[in-house]
Amino acid sequence: MSPQISDRKWACIGAAALTGLAAAIVFGIHPGGFEGQVAWLFALLPATLAVHPFSDCVYMVAPHVERGAFWILVITFNFAWYWGVSYGRIKIRRFLVGT
């Protein structure tokens, strides 16, 4: 008997792996110079741009918490982005294969 894992759980595994890989590339490998690093940040962690308005709202309420809230939101939003990408890819593959 093989346990069946739902598509949502497979997408969570994929999202965690992709988010970790993107963070390792951006913050560990440091590709390119300064300008290249900014381009890689926005290419691999695209939700970073969407987090800034929320970060500004947090700064208005509690300025000392803004930095931590920013990074929590960056990780959360990018995980959600990669979850959507992974889930969409899984659904498309299942549709094309017909299982």
N, C-alpha and C. Protein backbone atom coordinates (compact mmCIF):
# COMPACT_ATOMS: atom_id res chain seq x y z
N MET A 1 0.83 -1.17 0.00
CA MET A 1 0.00 0.00 0.00
C MET A 1 0.88 1.24 0.00
N SER A 2 0.70 2.06 -1.00
CA SER A 2 1.48 3.31 -1.04
C SER A 2 0.58 4.45 -0.59
N PRO A 3 1.07 5.26 0.32
CA PRO A 3 0.25 6.39 0.77
C PRO A 3 0.15 7.44 -0.33
N GLN A 4 -1.04 7.97 -0.49
CA GLN A 4 -1.26 9.01 -1.48
C GLN A 4 -1.03 10.38 -0.83
N ILE A 5 -0.24 11.18 -1.47
CA ILE A 5 0.01 12.53 -1.00
C ILE A 5 -0.74 13.48 -1.91
N SER A 6 -1.49 14.40 -1.32
CA SER A 6 -2.30 15.31 -2.12
C SER A 6 -1.42 16.29 -2.89
N ASP A 7 -2.01 16.88 -3.91
CA ASP A 7 -1.28 17.85 -4.72
C ASP A 7 -0.87 19.07 -3.90
N ARG A 8 -1.68 19.45 -2.94
CA ARG A 8 -1.35 20.60 -2.09
C ARG A 8 -0.10 20.34 -1.27
N LYS A 9 0.02 19.12 -0.77
CA LYS A 9 1.21 18.79 0.02
C LYS A 9 2.45 18.71 -0.86
N TRP A 10 2.32 18.16 -2.07
CA TRP A 10 3.44 18.15 -3.01
C TRP A 10 3.85 19.59 -3.33
N ALA A 11 2.85 20.47 -3.49
CA ALA A 11 3.14 21.87 -3.78
C ALA A 11 3.85 22.54 -2.61
N CYS A 12 3.49 22.16 -1.38
CA CYS A 12 4.18 22.72 -0.20
C CYS A 12 5.64 22.28 -0.16
N ILE A 13 5.88 21.02 -0.49
CA ILE A 13 7.27 20.53 -0.53
C ILE A 13 8.06 21.27 -1.60
N GLY A 14 7.45 21.41 -2.77
CA GLY A 14 8.12 22.14 -3.85
C GLY A 14 8.35 23.60 -3.52
N ALA A 15 7.36 24.23 -2.88
CA ALA A 15 7.49 25.64 -2.51
C ALA A 15 8.59 25.84 -1.48
N ALA A 16 8.66 24.95 -0.51
CA ALA A 16 9.72 25.07 0.50
C ALA A 16 11.09 24.89 -0.14
N ALA A 17 11.21 23.93 -1.04
CA ALA A 17 12.49 23.70 -1.72
C ALA A 17 12.86 24.89 -2.60
N LEU A 18 11.90 25.41 -3.37
CA LEU A 18 12.21 26.53 -4.25
C LEU A 18 12.51 27.81 -3.48
N THR A 19 11.78 28.06 -2.41
CA THR A 19 12.05 29.24 -1.59
C THR A 19 13.43 29.15 -0.94
N GLY A 20 13.75 27.97 -0.42
CA GLY A 20 15.08 27.78 0.18
C GLY A 20 16.19 27.91 -0.83
N LEU A 21 15.98 27.36 -2.02
CA LEU A 21 17.00 27.46 -3.07
C LEU A 21 17.19 28.90 -3.52
N ALA A 22 16.08 29.62 -3.69
CA ALA A 22 16.18 31.02 -4.09
C ALA A 22 16.88 31.86 -3.03
N ALA A 23 16.55 31.62 -1.76
CA ALA A 23 17.21 32.35 -0.68
C ALA A 23 18.69 32.00 -0.60
N ALA A 24 19.03 30.74 -0.82
CA ALA A 24 20.45 30.33 -0.80
C ALA A 24 21.22 30.98 -1.93
N ILE A 25 20.61 31.08 -3.09
CA ILE A 25 21.30 31.73 -4.22
C ILE A 25 21.48 33.21 -3.97
N VAL A 26 20.40 33.87 -3.53
CA VAL A 26 20.46 35.33 -3.35
C VAL A 26 21.36 35.71 -2.18
N PHE A 27 21.21 35.04 -1.04
CA PHE A 27 21.92 35.46 0.16
C PHE A 27 23.19 34.66 0.44
N GLY A 28 23.36 33.52 -0.19
CA GLY A 28 24.55 32.70 0.05
C GLY A 28 25.59 32.81 -1.04
N ILE A 29 25.16 32.69 -2.28
CA ILE A 29 26.10 32.68 -3.40
C ILE A 29 26.46 34.09 -3.84
N HIS A 30 25.55 35.05 -3.73
CA HIS A 30 25.75 36.44 -4.14
C HIS A 30 26.17 36.55 -5.60
N PRO A 31 25.31 36.16 -6.55
CA PRO A 31 25.70 36.26 -7.96
C PRO A 31 25.75 37.71 -8.43
N GLY A 32 26.72 38.03 -9.25
CA GLY A 32 26.85 39.38 -9.80
C GLY A 32 27.36 40.37 -8.78
N GLY A 33 27.53 41.59 -9.21
CA GLY A 33 27.93 42.67 -8.32
C GLY A 33 26.71 43.20 -7.59
N PHE A 34 26.75 44.47 -7.20
CA PHE A 34 25.63 45.05 -6.47
C PHE A 34 24.37 45.09 -7.33
N GLU A 35 24.50 45.57 -8.56
CA GLU A 35 23.35 45.65 -9.44
C GLU A 35 22.83 44.26 -9.80
N GLY A 36 23.75 43.35 -10.02
CA GLY A 36 23.36 41.98 -10.32
C GLY A 36 22.64 41.32 -9.15
N GLN A 37 23.09 41.63 -7.94
CA GLN A 37 22.46 41.08 -6.74
C GLN A 37 21.03 41.57 -6.61
N VAL A 38 20.79 42.82 -6.91
CA VAL A 38 19.43 43.36 -6.85
C VAL A 38 18.55 42.70 -7.90
N ALA A 39 19.09 42.49 -9.08
CA ALA A 39 18.32 41.83 -10.14
C ALA A 39 17.99 40.39 -9.76
N TRP A 40 18.94 39.67 -9.19
CA TRP A 40 18.68 38.30 -8.75
C TRP A 40 17.66 38.27 -7.62
N LEU A 41 17.72 39.23 -6.72
CA LEU A 41 16.75 39.29 -5.62
C LEU A 41 15.33 39.41 -6.18
N PHE A 42 15.13 40.35 -7.10
CA PHE A 42 13.79 40.56 -7.64
C PHE A 42 13.37 39.45 -8.58
N ALA A 43 14.32 38.76 -9.22
CA ALA A 43 13.97 37.65 -10.12
C ALA A 43 13.62 36.39 -9.34
N LEU A 44 14.39 36.07 -8.30
CA LEU A 44 14.16 34.83 -7.57
C LEU A 44 13.20 34.97 -6.39
N LEU A 45 13.09 36.16 -5.85
CA LEU A 45 12.16 36.41 -4.75
C LEU A 45 11.24 37.57 -5.15
N PRO A 46 10.34 37.32 -6.12
CA PRO A 46 9.56 38.41 -6.71
C PRO A 46 8.57 39.07 -5.77
N ALA A 47 8.14 38.40 -4.74
CA ALA A 47 7.16 38.99 -3.83
C ALA A 47 7.78 40.06 -2.93
N THR A 48 9.09 40.25 -3.02
CA THR A 48 9.75 41.28 -2.23
C THR A 48 9.18 42.66 -2.55
N LEU A 49 8.85 42.89 -3.81
CA LEU A 49 8.26 44.17 -4.19
C LEU A 49 6.88 44.36 -3.59
N ALA A 50 6.11 43.30 -3.47
CA ALA A 50 4.75 43.39 -2.93
C ALA A 50 4.75 43.60 -1.42
N VAL A 51 5.83 43.27 -0.75
CA VAL A 51 5.91 43.35 0.70
C VAL A 51 6.13 44.78 1.19
N HIS A 52 6.74 45.62 0.38
CA HIS A 52 7.09 46.96 0.83
C HIS A 52 5.90 47.79 1.33
N PRO A 53 4.74 47.80 0.67
CA PRO A 53 3.61 48.56 1.23
C PRO A 53 3.17 48.04 2.60
N PHE A 54 3.16 46.72 2.79
CA PHE A 54 2.81 46.16 4.09
C PHE A 54 3.85 46.52 5.14
N SER A 55 5.10 46.54 4.73
CA SER A 55 6.18 46.90 5.63
C SER A 55 6.05 48.36 6.08
N ASP A 56 5.64 49.22 5.17
CA ASP A 56 5.42 50.62 5.53
C ASP A 56 4.28 50.77 6.53
N CYS A 57 3.23 49.98 6.38
CA CYS A 57 2.12 50.02 7.34
C CYS A 57 2.59 49.58 8.72
N VAL A 58 3.41 48.54 8.77
CA VAL A 58 3.95 48.07 10.04
C VAL A 58 4.85 49.13 10.65
N TYR A 59 5.63 49.83 9.82
CA TYR A 59 6.52 50.87 10.32
C TYR A 59 5.75 52.02 10.96
N MET A 60 4.58 52.36 10.40
CA MET A 60 3.77 53.44 10.98
C MET A 60 3.21 53.06 12.34
N VAL A 61 2.92 51.78 12.53
CA VAL A 61 2.35 51.32 13.80
C VAL A 61 3.45 51.06 14.84
N ALA A 62 4.47 50.32 14.45
CA ALA A 62 5.53 49.93 15.38
C ALA A 62 6.87 49.93 14.64
N PRO A 63 7.60 51.04 14.67
CA PRO A 63 8.84 51.15 13.89
C PRO A 63 9.91 50.12 14.26
N HIS A 64 9.98 49.72 15.52
CA HIS A 64 11.03 48.80 15.94
C HIS A 64 10.78 47.36 15.48
N VAL A 65 9.58 47.06 15.05
CA VAL A 65 9.23 45.70 14.62
C VAL A 65 9.32 45.56 13.10
N GLU A 66 9.50 46.67 12.40
CA GLU A 66 9.40 46.68 10.94
C GLU A 66 10.39 45.75 10.26
N ARG A 67 11.60 45.70 10.71
CA ARG A 67 12.61 44.87 10.04
C ARG A 67 12.27 43.38 10.12
N GLY A 68 11.90 42.92 11.30
CA GLY A 68 11.51 41.52 11.46
C GLY A 68 10.25 41.19 10.69
N ALA A 69 9.28 42.10 10.73
CA ALA A 69 8.03 41.88 9.99
C ALA A 69 8.29 41.85 8.49
N PHE A 70 9.22 42.68 8.02
CA PHE A 70 9.55 42.68 6.60
C PHE A 70 10.07 41.33 6.16
N TRP A 71 10.99 40.74 6.90
CA TRP A 71 11.57 39.46 6.49
C TRP A 71 10.58 38.32 6.64
N ILE A 72 9.73 38.37 7.65
CA ILE A 72 8.69 37.36 7.77
C ILE A 72 7.73 37.44 6.60
N LEU A 73 7.35 38.65 6.21
CA LEU A 73 6.45 38.82 5.06
C LEU A 73 7.13 38.40 3.76
N VAL A 74 8.41 38.69 3.61
CA VAL A 74 9.13 38.28 2.40
C VAL A 74 9.12 36.76 2.27
N ILE A 75 9.44 36.06 3.33
CA ILE A 75 9.45 34.59 3.29
C ILE A 75 8.04 34.06 3.03
N THR A 76 7.04 34.61 3.71
CA THR A 76 5.66 34.14 3.57
C THR A 76 5.13 34.38 2.16
N PHE A 77 5.30 35.59 1.65
CA PHE A 77 4.77 35.92 0.32
C PHE A 77 5.49 35.11 -0.76
N ASN A 78 6.79 34.94 -0.65
CA ASN A 78 7.52 34.17 -1.65
C ASN A 78 7.17 32.69 -1.57
N PHE A 79 6.94 32.18 -0.35
CA PHE A 79 6.49 30.80 -0.23
C PHE A 79 5.14 30.63 -0.93
N ALA A 80 4.23 31.59 -0.72
CA ALA A 80 2.92 31.53 -1.38
C ALA A 80 3.08 31.61 -2.90
N TRP A 81 3.99 32.45 -3.38
CA TRP A 81 4.23 32.56 -4.81
C TRP A 81 4.73 31.23 -5.38
N TYR A 82 5.72 30.63 -4.74
CA TYR A 82 6.26 29.37 -5.22
C TYR A 82 5.27 28.22 -5.03
N TRP A 83 4.40 28.31 -4.02
CA TRP A 83 3.36 27.29 -3.86
C TRP A 83 2.40 27.35 -5.04
N GLY A 84 2.00 28.54 -5.43
CA GLY A 84 1.13 28.69 -6.59
C GLY A 84 1.77 28.18 -7.87
N VAL A 85 3.03 28.49 -8.05
CA VAL A 85 3.75 28.01 -9.24
C VAL A 85 3.84 26.49 -9.22
N SER A 86 4.19 25.91 -8.08
CA SER A 86 4.30 24.46 -7.98
C SER A 86 2.95 23.77 -8.16
N TYR A 87 1.92 24.31 -7.55
CA TYR A 87 0.59 23.72 -7.65
C TYR A 87 0.08 23.79 -9.09
N GLY A 88 0.30 24.91 -9.74
CA GLY A 88 -0.10 25.04 -11.13
C GLY A 88 0.63 24.05 -12.03
N ARG A 89 1.92 23.88 -11.80
CA ARG A 89 2.70 22.94 -12.60
C ARG A 89 2.23 21.51 -12.37
N ILE A 90 1.91 21.16 -11.13
CA ILE A 90 1.43 19.82 -10.83
C ILE A 90 0.09 19.57 -11.52
N LYS A 91 -0.82 20.54 -11.44
CA LYS A 91 -2.13 20.38 -12.07
C LYS A 91 -2.03 20.28 -13.59
N ILE A 92 -1.17 21.08 -14.18
CA ILE A 92 -0.98 21.03 -15.64
C ILE A 92 -0.40 19.68 -16.03
N ARG A 93 0.58 19.21 -15.29
CA ARG A 93 1.19 17.91 -15.60
C ARG A 93 0.17 16.79 -15.46
N ARG A 94 -0.63 16.81 -14.41
CA ARG A 94 -1.65 15.77 -14.23
C ARG A 94 -2.70 15.82 -15.33
N PHE A 95 -3.04 17.02 -15.79
CA PHE A 95 -4.01 17.15 -16.87
C PHE A 95 -3.44 16.60 -18.18
N LEU A 96 -2.18 16.92 -18.46
CA LEU A 96 -1.57 16.46 -19.71
C LEU A 96 -1.32 14.95 -19.71
N VAL A 97 -0.93 14.41 -18.56
CA VAL A 97 -0.68 12.98 -18.48
C VAL A 97 -2.00 12.21 -18.42
N GLY A 98 -3.00 12.80 -17.81
CA GLY A 98 -4.32 12.18 -17.75
C GLY A 98 -4.52 11.20 -16.64
N THR A 99 -3.80 11.40 -15.52
CA THR A 99 -3.99 10.50 -14.38
C THR A 99 -4.92 11.09 -13.37
